[in-house]
Amino acid sequence: MLTGEINVRGVLRTKSPTGDDPLSPARVQLLVFTVATAGTYLGWFDLDDTRP
């Protein structure tokens, strides 16, 4: 945080004791749901054409 960077390396992978660290389906599903929800929320503002 002090350098202005956020490390996202491996954020979608599980922590495996064998060290292979496969892709986590639950984390991918959560990411897709979050992006879709954010897109839907932002789309509500685009539909309001009555603003001056």
C-alpha atoms as a PDB file:
ATOM      1  CA  MET A   1       0.000   0.000   0.000  1.00  0.00           C
ATOM      2  CA  LEU A   2       2.851   2.395   0.660  1.00  0.00           C
ATOM      3  CA  THR A   3       4.236   1.950  -2.858  1.00  0.00           C
ATOM      4  CA  GLY A   4       0.862   2.568  -4.515  1.00  0.00           C
ATOM      5  CA  GLU A   5       0.659  -0.980  -5.877  1.00  0.00           C
ATOM      6  CA  ILE A   6      -1.588  -3.877  -4.998  1.00  0.00           C
ATOM      7  CA  ASN A   7      -0.249  -7.387  -5.595  1.00  0.00           C
ATOM      8  CA  VAL A   8      -2.931  -9.523  -7.287  1.00  0.00           C
ATOM      9  CA  ARG A   9      -0.677 -12.384  -8.349  1.00  0.00           C
ATOM     10  CA  GLY A  10      -2.328 -15.702  -7.558  1.00  0.00           C
ATOM     11  CA  VAL A  11      -5.588 -14.189  -6.344  1.00  0.00           C
ATOM     12  CA  LEU A  12      -7.658 -16.696  -8.387  1.00  0.00           C
ATOM     13  CA  ARG A  13      -5.643 -19.725  -7.323  1.00  0.00           C
ATOM     14  CA  THR A  14      -6.116 -22.019  -4.344  1.00  0.00           C
ATOM     15  CA  LYS A  15      -3.401 -22.582  -1.798  1.00  0.00           C
ATOM     16  CA  SER A  16      -2.540 -26.233  -2.317  1.00  0.00           C
ATOM     17  CA  PRO A  17      -0.225 -28.182   0.003  1.00  0.00           C
ATOM     18  CA  THR A  18       1.250 -29.942  -3.041  1.00  0.00           C
ATOM     19  CA  GLY A  19       2.357 -26.634  -4.522  1.00  0.00           C
ATOM     20  CA  ASP A  20       0.569 -26.904  -7.874  1.00  0.00           C
ATOM     21  CA  ASP A  21      -1.922 -24.094  -6.958  1.00  0.00           C
ATOM     22  CA  PRO A  22      -4.775 -24.833  -9.407  1.00  0.00           C
ATOM     23  CA  LEU A  23      -7.339 -22.256 -10.482  1.00  0.00           C
ATOM     24  CA  SER A  24     -10.155 -21.977  -7.931  1.00  0.00           C
ATOM     25  CA  PRO A  25     -13.622 -22.310  -9.519  1.00  0.00           C
ATOM     26  CA  ALA A  26     -15.227 -20.582  -6.527  1.00  0.00           C
ATOM     27  CA  ARG A  27     -12.965 -17.553  -6.837  1.00  0.00           C
ATOM     28  CA  VAL A  28     -13.549 -17.311 -10.590  1.00  0.00           C
ATOM     29  CA  GLN A  29     -17.313 -17.562 -10.036  1.00  0.00           C
ATOM     30  CA  LEU A  30     -17.175 -14.801  -7.425  1.00  0.00           C
ATOM     31  CA  LEU A  31     -15.172 -12.566  -9.773  1.00  0.00           C
ATOM     32  CA  VAL A  32     -17.644 -13.110 -12.647  1.00  0.00           C
ATOM     33  CA  PHE A  33     -20.603 -12.429 -10.365  1.00  0.00           C
ATOM     34  CA  THR A  34     -18.997  -9.252  -9.007  1.00  0.00           C
ATOM     35  CA  VAL A  35     -18.194  -7.886 -12.481  1.00  0.00           C
ATOM     36  CA  ALA A  36     -21.697  -8.741 -13.768  1.00  0.00           C
ATOM     37  CA  THR A  37     -23.343  -7.089 -10.772  1.00  0.00           C
ATOM     38  CA  ALA A  38     -21.202  -3.972 -11.155  1.00  0.00           C
ATOM     39  CA  GLY A  39     -22.063  -3.819 -14.862  1.00  0.00           C
ATOM     40  CA  THR A  40     -25.764  -4.123 -14.122  1.00  0.00           C
ATOM     41  CA  TYR A  41     -25.561  -1.420 -11.476  1.00  0.00           C
ATOM     42  CA  LEU A  42     -23.694   0.954 -13.788  1.00  0.00           C
ATOM     43  CA  GLY A  43     -26.125   0.160 -16.610  1.00  0.00           C
ATOM     44  CA  TRP A  44     -28.982   1.580 -14.564  1.00  0.00           C
ATOM     45  CA  PHE A  45     -27.449   5.033 -14.823  1.00  0.00           C
ATOM     46  CA  ASP A  46     -27.058   4.756 -18.580  1.00  0.00           C
ATOM     47  CA  LEU A  47     -30.785   4.110 -19.058  1.00  0.00           C
ATOM     48  CA  ASP A  48     -31.797   7.414 -17.479  1.00  0.00           C
ATOM     49  CA  ASP A  49     -31.876   9.754 -20.512  1.00  0.00           C
ATOM     50  CA  THR A  50     -34.100  12.360 -18.866  1.00  0.00           C
ATOM     51  CA  ARG A  51     -31.168  14.237 -17.340  1.00  0.00           C
ATOM     52  CA  PRO A  52     -30.373  17.679 -18.811  1.00  0.00           C
END
